[in-house]
């Protein structure tokens, strides 16, 4: 077989595969943007942002060759940020909180479950100290995106408090 034909077929295959991937990626990314950026303004960086209840909500475009994007809520007064990683091809979200301590000039990046809880004892104490801000963030996420970040029932909390979130 002629080597030129083989090389041309390989190049055509690469172009078709890349075009197919980019088409799927752009479509999936637009679905995420259409779902989560309703009523948001596009900023100079090409991302979407909105102010709500003294918090900044943001939705980001997924870069090419990245299979997820993120949506975030920044609570500037209490220095707590919620980051939700949204996969483009399924609905299995991942969650994290960034808590900034201005006194010690430290930021804690805490990976959490869907209840915004962690297994790490040191991080549990940090999250407990910011529970009011976390509850505000949960209510904004539910109101804005319909994402219900559940709270596990514990003996310390009343059922009415949990349902209010």
Protein backbone atom coordinates (compact mmCIF):
# COMPACT_ATOMS: atom_id res chain seq x y z
CA UNK A 1 0.00 0.00 0.00
CA UNK A 2 1.13 3.49 -0.75
CA UNK A 3 2.50 5.37 2.29
CA UNK A 4 0.96 8.65 1.14
CA UNK A 5 -2.53 7.12 1.26
CA UNK A 6 -1.90 5.74 4.75
CA UNK A 7 -0.66 9.10 6.02
CA UNK A 8 -3.62 10.92 4.44
CA UNK A 9 -6.07 8.45 6.05
CA UNK A 10 -4.41 8.90 9.43
CA UNK A 11 -4.59 12.68 9.12
CA UNK A 12 -8.24 12.52 8.06
CA UNK A 13 -8.98 10.21 11.01
CA UNK A 14 -7.31 12.60 13.44
CA UNK A 15 -9.18 15.59 11.99
CA UNK A 16 -12.54 13.76 12.16
CA UNK A 17 -11.94 12.52 15.72
CA UNK A 18 -10.82 15.96 16.91
CA UNK A 19 -13.78 17.66 15.23
CA UNK A 20 -16.17 15.16 16.79
CA UNK A 21 -14.65 15.66 20.25
CA UNK A 22 -14.73 19.46 19.96
CA UNK A 23 -18.34 19.40 18.78
CA UNK A 24 -19.40 17.23 21.72
CA UNK A 25 -17.35 19.35 24.14
CA UNK A 26 -18.82 22.64 22.91
CA UNK A 27 -22.36 21.24 23.02
CA UNK A 28 -21.92 19.82 26.55
CA UNK A 29 -20.30 23.02 27.81
CA UNK A 30 -23.16 25.09 26.37
CA UNK A 31 -25.66 22.82 28.15
CA UNK A 32 -23.92 23.52 31.48
CA UNK A 33 -23.83 27.27 30.77
CA UNK A 34 -27.50 27.32 29.74
CA UNK A 35 -28.45 25.38 32.88
CA UNK A 36 -26.45 27.28 35.49
CA UNK A 37 -25.80 30.77 34.05
CA UNK A 38 -29.40 31.93 33.54
CA UNK A 39 -29.53 35.64 34.40
CA UNK A 40 -25.77 35.94 34.81
CA UNK A 41 -23.63 38.51 33.03
CA UNK A 42 -20.65 37.49 30.95
CA UNK A 43 -17.49 39.18 32.21
CA UNK A 44 -14.31 40.21 30.37
CA UNK A 45 -12.75 36.80 31.00
CA UNK A 46 -15.63 35.01 29.28
CA UNK A 47 -17.04 33.59 32.51
CA UNK A 48 -20.44 34.34 34.00
CA UNK A 49 -21.03 36.13 37.31
CA UNK A 50 -23.88 37.47 39.40
CA UNK A 51 -24.22 39.16 42.80
CA UNK A 52 -26.86 37.68 45.08
CA UNK A 53 -27.34 38.43 48.80
CA UNK A 54 -23.85 39.94 49.13
CA UNK A 55 -22.33 36.85 47.54
CA UNK A 56 -20.74 36.40 44.14
CA UNK A 57 -21.99 33.46 42.09
CA UNK A 58 -19.97 32.35 39.10
CA UNK A 59 -20.13 29.81 36.31
CA UNK A 60 -17.06 28.96 34.28
CA UNK A 61 -16.57 27.66 30.75
CA UNK A 62 -14.73 24.36 30.58
CA UNK A 63 -11.42 24.67 28.75
CA UNK A 64 -10.88 22.36 25.79
CA UNK A 65 -9.75 18.87 26.72
CA UNK A 66 -11.11 19.26 30.25
CA UNK A 67 -14.10 17.09 31.12
CA UNK A 68 -15.53 19.27 33.87
CA UNK A 69 -16.18 22.88 34.77
CA UNK A 70 -17.15 24.53 38.01
CA UNK A 71 -19.74 26.75 39.52
CA UNK A 72 -18.95 28.69 42.67
CA UNK A 73 -20.38 30.89 45.39
CA UNK A 74 -18.08 33.34 47.16
CA UNK A 75 -19.18 34.60 50.57
CA UNK A 76 -16.84 37.59 50.87
CA UNK A 77 -17.88 38.65 54.36
CA UNK A 78 -17.14 35.29 56.02
CA UNK A 79 -14.39 34.28 53.56
CA UNK A 80 -16.02 31.00 52.57
CA UNK A 81 -16.24 29.76 48.97
CA UNK A 82 -18.24 26.82 47.69
CA UNK A 83 -16.92 25.16 44.56
CA UNK A 84 -19.00 22.56 42.73
CA UNK A 85 -17.21 20.67 39.98
CA UNK A 86 -19.73 19.89 37.25
CA UNK A 87 -18.77 17.11 34.83
CA UNK A 88 -19.70 17.75 31.22
CA UNK A 89 -20.69 14.16 30.52
CA UNK A 90 -22.53 13.00 33.66
CA UNK A 91 -24.20 14.43 36.76
CA UNK A 92 -21.86 13.23 39.53
CA UNK A 93 -20.87 16.53 41.12
CA UNK A 94 -17.87 16.96 43.41
CA UNK A 95 -17.86 19.56 46.15
CA UNK A 96 -15.31 21.62 48.00
CA UNK A 97 -15.06 24.59 50.31
CA UNK A 98 -12.29 27.16 50.53
CA UNK A 99 -12.13 28.83 53.93
CA UNK A 100 -9.76 31.77 54.36
CA UNK A 101 -8.45 32.73 57.79
CA UNK A 102 -7.22 36.32 57.55
CA UNK A 103 -5.62 36.28 61.01
CA UNK A 104 -3.23 33.45 60.21
CA UNK A 105 -3.19 34.25 56.47
CA UNK A 106 -4.11 30.67 55.58
CA UNK A 107 -6.61 29.29 53.07
CA UNK A 108 -7.99 25.82 53.67
CA UNK A 109 -9.07 23.95 50.57
CA UNK A 110 -11.41 21.25 51.82
CA UNK A 111 -12.88 18.52 49.64
CA UNK A 112 -16.32 17.63 50.96
CA UNK A 113 -19.21 15.29 50.27
CA UNK A 114 -22.65 16.39 49.04
CA UNK A 115 -23.51 17.36 52.63
CA UNK A 116 -20.50 19.74 52.68
CA UNK A 117 -18.88 17.63 55.38
CA UNK A 118 -15.38 16.24 55.60
CA UNK A 119 -13.74 13.33 57.40
CA UNK A 120 -10.65 15.32 58.45
CA UNK A 121 -10.93 16.31 62.13
CA UNK A 122 -9.01 19.59 61.75
CA UNK A 123 -11.19 20.60 58.82
CA UNK A 124 -14.37 19.60 60.69
CA UNK A 125 -13.60 22.22 63.32
CA UNK A 126 -12.99 24.85 60.65
CA UNK A 127 -16.30 24.04 58.95
CA UNK A 128 -18.18 24.10 62.26
CA UNK A 129 -16.85 27.59 62.95
CA UNK A 130 -18.22 28.76 59.57
CA UNK A 131 -21.52 26.85 59.71
CA UNK A 132 -23.74 29.96 59.46
CA UNK A 133 -21.99 31.10 56.28
CA UNK A 134 -22.13 27.55 54.87
CA UNK A 135 -25.89 27.42 55.53
CA UNK A 136 -26.33 30.75 53.70
CA UNK A 137 -24.35 29.37 50.76
CA UNK A 138 -26.50 26.21 50.75
CA UNK A 139 -29.69 28.25 50.55
CA UNK A 140 -28.32 30.36 47.68
CA UNK A 141 -27.22 27.21 45.78
CA UNK A 142 -30.70 25.74 46.21
CA UNK A 143 -32.43 28.98 45.19
CA UNK A 144 -30.21 29.78 42.20
CA UNK A 145 -29.35 26.37 40.75
CA UNK A 146 -31.77 23.95 42.41
CA UNK A 147 -28.84 22.14 44.00
CA UNK A 148 -29.88 20.85 47.38
CA UNK A 149 -26.83 20.43 49.57
CA UNK A 150 -28.23 18.17 52.26
CA UNK A 151 -27.50 18.31 55.94
CA UNK A 152 -27.17 15.01 57.78
CA UNK A 153 -29.48 14.80 60.80
CA UNK A 154 -27.54 14.80 64.05
CA UNK A 155 -28.72 14.96 67.65
CA UNK A 156 -27.48 18.57 67.85
CA UNK A 157 -29.85 19.80 65.17
CA UNK A 158 -33.60 19.96 65.12
CA UNK A 159 -35.45 18.64 62.12
CA UNK A 160 -37.06 22.05 61.61
CA UNK A 161 -33.62 23.65 61.26
CA UNK A 162 -32.65 21.11 58.62
CA UNK A 163 -35.83 21.59 56.63
CA UNK A 164 -35.30 25.36 56.69
CA UNK A 165 -32.09 24.89 54.73
